[in-house]
N, C-alpha and C. Protein backbone atom coordinates (compact mmCIF):
# COMPACT_ATOMS: atom_id res chain seq x y z
N UNK A 1 119.64 93.01 91.22
CA UNK A 1 121.02 93.09 90.76
C UNK A 1 121.50 94.54 90.80
N UNK A 2 120.63 95.47 90.37
CA UNK A 2 121.01 96.87 90.38
C UNK A 2 121.27 97.33 91.82
N UNK A 3 120.43 96.89 92.74
CA UNK A 3 120.63 97.24 94.16
C UNK A 3 122.00 96.76 94.63
N UNK A 4 122.36 95.53 94.27
CA UNK A 4 123.66 94.99 94.67
C UNK A 4 124.80 95.82 94.08
N UNK A 5 124.69 96.18 92.82
CA UNK A 5 125.73 96.99 92.19
C UNK A 5 125.85 98.36 92.85
N UNK A 6 124.73 98.93 93.25
CA UNK A 6 124.75 100.26 93.87
C UNK A 6 125.55 100.27 95.18
N UNK A 7 125.69 99.13 95.83
CA UNK A 7 126.46 99.06 97.08
C UNK A 7 127.93 99.39 96.88
N UNK A 8 128.41 99.29 95.64
CA UNK A 8 129.80 99.57 95.32
C UNK A 8 130.02 101.01 94.87
N UNK A 9 128.97 101.84 94.98
CA UNK A 9 129.02 103.26 94.66
C UNK A 9 129.58 103.54 93.26
N UNK A 10 129.00 102.92 92.23
CA UNK A 10 129.48 103.18 90.88
C UNK A 10 129.09 104.59 90.43
N UNK A 11 129.80 105.12 89.47
CA UNK A 11 129.45 106.43 88.92
C UNK A 11 128.15 106.34 88.13
N UNK A 12 127.91 105.18 87.53
CA UNK A 12 126.72 104.98 86.72
C UNK A 12 126.48 103.49 86.52
N UNK A 13 125.22 103.11 86.41
CA UNK A 13 124.84 101.75 86.09
C UNK A 13 124.00 101.80 84.82
N UNK A 14 124.34 101.01 83.83
CA UNK A 14 123.58 100.94 82.58
C UNK A 14 122.71 99.68 82.61
N UNK A 15 121.47 99.84 82.21
CA UNK A 15 120.54 98.71 82.17
C UNK A 15 119.99 98.59 80.76
N UNK A 16 120.03 97.39 80.22
CA UNK A 16 119.52 97.12 78.88
C UNK A 16 119.09 95.67 78.80
N UNK A 17 118.39 95.33 77.74
CA UNK A 17 117.93 93.95 77.50
C UNK A 17 116.92 93.45 78.52
N UNK A 18 116.16 94.33 79.12
CA UNK A 18 115.06 93.88 79.96
C UNK A 18 113.84 94.73 79.66
N UNK A 19 112.70 94.09 79.61
CA UNK A 19 111.44 94.82 79.43
C UNK A 19 110.67 94.86 80.74
N UNK A 20 111.34 94.47 81.83
CA UNK A 20 110.74 94.45 83.17
C UNK A 20 109.43 93.68 83.18
N UNK A 21 109.41 92.58 82.44
CA UNK A 21 108.28 91.64 82.39
C UNK A 21 107.06 92.17 81.67
N UNK A 22 107.21 93.24 80.87
CA UNK A 22 106.07 93.74 80.11
C UNK A 22 105.95 93.09 78.74
N UNK A 23 106.93 92.31 78.34
CA UNK A 23 106.89 91.64 77.05
C UNK A 23 106.06 90.37 77.08
N UNK A 24 105.99 89.71 75.95
CA UNK A 24 105.16 88.51 75.85
C UNK A 24 105.89 87.25 76.32
N UNK A 25 107.20 87.34 76.53
CA UNK A 25 107.96 86.20 77.03
C UNK A 25 108.53 86.54 78.41
N UNK A 26 108.34 85.63 79.34
CA UNK A 26 108.82 85.87 80.69
C UNK A 26 110.34 85.82 80.79
N UNK A 27 110.97 85.00 79.94
CA UNK A 27 112.41 84.82 80.00
C UNK A 27 113.02 84.95 78.61
N UNK A 28 114.25 85.41 78.53
CA UNK A 28 114.95 85.52 77.26
C UNK A 28 115.25 84.13 76.71
N UNK A 29 115.38 84.05 75.41
CA UNK A 29 115.69 82.78 74.76
C UNK A 29 116.96 82.20 75.35
N UNK A 30 116.91 80.93 75.74
CA UNK A 30 118.06 80.25 76.29
C UNK A 30 118.27 80.43 77.78
N UNK A 31 117.46 81.29 78.43
CA UNK A 31 117.65 81.53 79.85
C UNK A 31 117.26 80.33 80.70
N UNK A 32 116.10 79.77 80.41
CA UNK A 32 115.62 78.61 81.16
C UNK A 32 115.01 77.63 80.19
N UNK A 33 115.20 76.35 80.48
CA UNK A 33 114.53 75.34 79.68
C UNK A 33 113.04 75.31 80.00
N UNK A 34 112.69 75.54 81.26
CA UNK A 34 111.30 75.52 81.70
C UNK A 34 110.69 76.89 81.42
N UNK A 35 109.93 77.00 80.33
CA UNK A 35 109.31 78.27 79.96
C UNK A 35 107.87 78.35 80.45
N UNK A 36 107.51 77.51 81.40
CA UNK A 36 106.16 77.46 81.92
C UNK A 36 105.79 78.81 82.54
N UNK A 37 104.75 79.45 82.00
CA UNK A 37 104.31 80.73 82.54
C UNK A 37 103.01 80.58 83.32
N UNK A 38 102.65 79.36 83.64
CA UNK A 38 101.45 79.12 84.44
C UNK A 38 101.87 79.07 85.91
N UNK A 39 101.16 79.80 86.75
CA UNK A 39 101.47 79.79 88.17
C UNK A 39 100.98 78.50 88.80
N UNK A 40 101.72 78.02 89.77
CA UNK A 40 101.32 76.81 90.47
C UNK A 40 102.54 76.09 91.00
N UNK A 41 102.34 74.96 91.64
CA UNK A 41 103.47 74.21 92.20
C UNK A 41 104.53 73.88 91.15
N UNK A 42 105.77 74.21 91.45
CA UNK A 42 106.88 73.89 90.56
C UNK A 42 107.06 74.82 89.39
N UNK A 43 106.23 75.84 89.24
CA UNK A 43 106.34 76.77 88.11
C UNK A 43 107.54 77.69 88.27
N UNK A 44 108.23 77.95 87.17
CA UNK A 44 109.34 78.90 87.18
C UNK A 44 108.86 80.30 87.52
N UNK A 45 107.60 80.59 87.28
CA UNK A 45 107.05 81.91 87.56
C UNK A 45 106.97 82.20 89.06
N UNK A 46 106.94 81.17 89.87
CA UNK A 46 106.86 81.37 91.32
C UNK A 46 108.05 82.18 91.84
N UNK A 47 109.24 81.93 91.29
CA UNK A 47 110.43 82.67 91.71
C UNK A 47 110.23 84.17 91.54
N UNK A 48 109.68 84.55 90.42
CA UNK A 48 109.48 85.96 90.13
C UNK A 48 108.54 86.62 91.13
N UNK A 49 107.42 86.00 91.38
CA UNK A 49 106.40 86.60 92.24
C UNK A 49 106.83 86.58 93.71
N UNK A 50 107.45 85.52 94.15
CA UNK A 50 107.86 85.42 95.55
C UNK A 50 109.02 86.36 95.86
N UNK A 51 109.93 86.53 94.92
CA UNK A 51 111.15 87.30 95.18
C UNK A 51 111.08 88.76 94.79
N UNK A 52 110.02 89.21 94.13
CA UNK A 52 109.99 90.57 93.61
C UNK A 52 108.65 91.24 93.87
N UNK A 53 108.73 92.50 94.26
CA UNK A 53 107.58 93.39 94.25
C UNK A 53 107.80 94.23 92.99
N UNK A 54 107.13 93.87 91.91
CA UNK A 54 107.44 94.45 90.61
C UNK A 54 107.23 95.96 90.56
N UNK A 55 106.19 96.45 91.19
CA UNK A 55 105.96 97.91 91.20
C UNK A 55 107.08 98.61 91.98
N UNK A 56 107.47 98.06 93.12
CA UNK A 56 108.57 98.65 93.89
C UNK A 56 109.85 98.64 93.07
N UNK A 57 110.17 97.50 92.45
CA UNK A 57 111.39 97.41 91.63
C UNK A 57 111.38 98.46 90.52
N UNK A 58 110.22 98.64 89.89
CA UNK A 58 110.06 99.62 88.82
C UNK A 58 110.34 101.04 89.34
N UNK A 59 109.70 101.42 90.43
CA UNK A 59 109.90 102.78 90.95
C UNK A 59 111.32 102.98 91.50
N UNK A 60 111.91 101.92 92.04
CA UNK A 60 113.30 101.99 92.49
C UNK A 60 114.21 102.33 91.31
N UNK A 61 114.03 101.65 90.19
CA UNK A 61 114.85 101.93 89.01
C UNK A 61 114.60 103.34 88.48
N UNK A 62 113.34 103.76 88.49
CA UNK A 62 113.03 105.13 88.06
C UNK A 62 113.75 106.16 88.94
N UNK A 63 113.75 105.94 90.24
CA UNK A 63 114.41 106.89 91.14
C UNK A 63 115.92 106.92 90.94
N UNK A 64 116.52 105.78 90.69
CA UNK A 64 117.94 105.76 90.38
C UNK A 64 118.22 106.51 89.08
N UNK A 65 117.31 106.35 88.12
CA UNK A 65 117.46 107.05 86.84
C UNK A 65 117.32 108.57 87.05
N UNK A 66 116.37 108.99 87.85
CA UNK A 66 116.16 110.41 88.13
C UNK A 66 117.36 111.01 88.87
N UNK A 67 118.07 110.19 89.63
CA UNK A 67 119.25 110.64 90.37
C UNK A 67 120.53 110.52 89.52
N UNK A 68 120.36 110.16 88.25
CA UNK A 68 121.48 110.02 87.31
C UNK A 68 122.48 108.93 87.71
N UNK A 69 122.00 107.92 88.44
CA UNK A 69 122.85 106.79 88.79
C UNK A 69 122.62 105.61 87.85
N UNK A 70 121.53 105.66 87.10
CA UNK A 70 121.17 104.58 86.21
C UNK A 70 120.85 105.16 84.84
N UNK A 71 121.38 104.54 83.81
CA UNK A 71 121.04 104.89 82.44
C UNK A 71 120.37 103.69 81.80
N UNK A 72 119.15 103.89 81.34
CA UNK A 72 118.41 102.81 80.70
C UNK A 72 118.52 102.95 79.18
N UNK A 73 118.61 101.81 78.51
CA UNK A 73 118.76 101.79 77.06
C UNK A 73 117.65 100.95 76.43
N UNK A 74 117.29 101.28 75.19
CA UNK A 74 116.35 100.47 74.42
C UNK A 74 115.00 100.30 75.09
N UNK A 75 114.52 99.06 75.08
CA UNK A 75 113.21 98.75 75.63
C UNK A 75 113.12 99.11 77.11
N UNK A 76 114.21 98.96 77.84
CA UNK A 76 114.22 99.33 79.25
C UNK A 76 113.90 100.81 79.43
N UNK A 77 114.47 101.66 78.60
CA UNK A 77 114.19 103.10 78.67
C UNK A 77 112.72 103.38 78.37
N UNK A 78 112.16 102.66 77.39
CA UNK A 78 110.75 102.84 77.06
C UNK A 78 109.86 102.49 78.26
N UNK A 79 110.14 101.38 78.89
CA UNK A 79 109.33 100.94 80.02
C UNK A 79 109.47 101.91 81.19
N UNK A 80 110.68 102.36 81.46
CA UNK A 80 110.88 103.27 82.59
C UNK A 80 110.30 104.66 82.35
N UNK A 81 109.88 104.95 81.13
CA UNK A 81 109.23 106.23 80.85
C UNK A 81 107.74 106.19 81.24
N UNK A 82 107.22 105.01 81.55
CA UNK A 82 105.83 104.87 81.96
C UNK A 82 105.65 105.37 83.39
N UNK A 83 104.42 105.69 83.75
CA UNK A 83 104.10 105.96 85.15
C UNK A 83 103.98 104.61 85.84
N UNK A 84 104.06 104.57 87.17
CA UNK A 84 103.87 103.29 87.86
C UNK A 84 102.53 102.63 87.53
N UNK A 85 101.47 103.42 87.44
CA UNK A 85 100.16 102.84 87.09
C UNK A 85 100.15 102.27 85.67
N UNK A 86 100.78 102.97 84.74
CA UNK A 86 100.88 102.46 83.36
C UNK A 86 101.69 101.17 83.33
N UNK A 87 102.75 101.11 84.12
CA UNK A 87 103.57 99.91 84.18
C UNK A 87 102.75 98.72 84.68
N UNK A 88 102.03 98.90 85.78
CA UNK A 88 101.21 97.82 86.32
C UNK A 88 100.16 97.40 85.29
N UNK A 89 99.58 98.36 84.60
CA UNK A 89 98.59 98.04 83.56
C UNK A 89 99.24 97.21 82.45
N UNK A 90 100.46 97.56 82.07
CA UNK A 90 101.17 96.79 81.04
C UNK A 90 101.42 95.36 81.50
N UNK A 91 101.71 95.19 82.78
CA UNK A 91 101.89 93.85 83.33
C UNK A 91 100.57 93.06 83.28
N UNK A 92 99.50 93.76 83.59
CA UNK A 92 98.19 93.09 83.67
C UNK A 92 97.62 92.74 82.31
N UNK A 93 97.92 93.51 81.29
CA UNK A 93 97.25 93.34 80.00
C UNK A 93 98.10 92.76 78.88
N UNK A 94 99.39 93.00 78.90
CA UNK A 94 100.16 92.61 77.75
C UNK A 94 101.36 91.74 78.00
N UNK A 95 101.54 91.34 79.22
CA UNK A 95 102.78 90.63 79.53
C UNK A 95 102.59 89.13 79.62
N UNK A 96 103.71 88.46 79.75
CA UNK A 96 103.70 87.00 79.93
C UNK A 96 103.17 86.61 81.30
N UNK A 97 102.99 87.58 82.18
CA UNK A 97 102.55 87.31 83.55
C UNK A 97 101.04 87.20 83.68
N UNK A 98 100.30 87.54 82.66
CA UNK A 98 98.84 87.51 82.78
C UNK A 98 98.30 86.11 82.64
């Protein structure tokens, strides 16, 4: 979504309300009825893995932030302060994706 917004050359993009999948819930309350976090046929989690390279998305957001095109707020700012390796570790150990 941020990539799409950047095509319109905004002065700034603000990002909030996302933990970039490092939290214990894969989806926000009310986002999907299917909260299945088990990978396999028909799982809602398949969309995430097939459509996203999470480490690339993370570093892309960091680079936009370093270029002052993106301002992160709250939990998003905390996550973007991690190194890429720390982020991947957070995905592996503490997230809904494990």
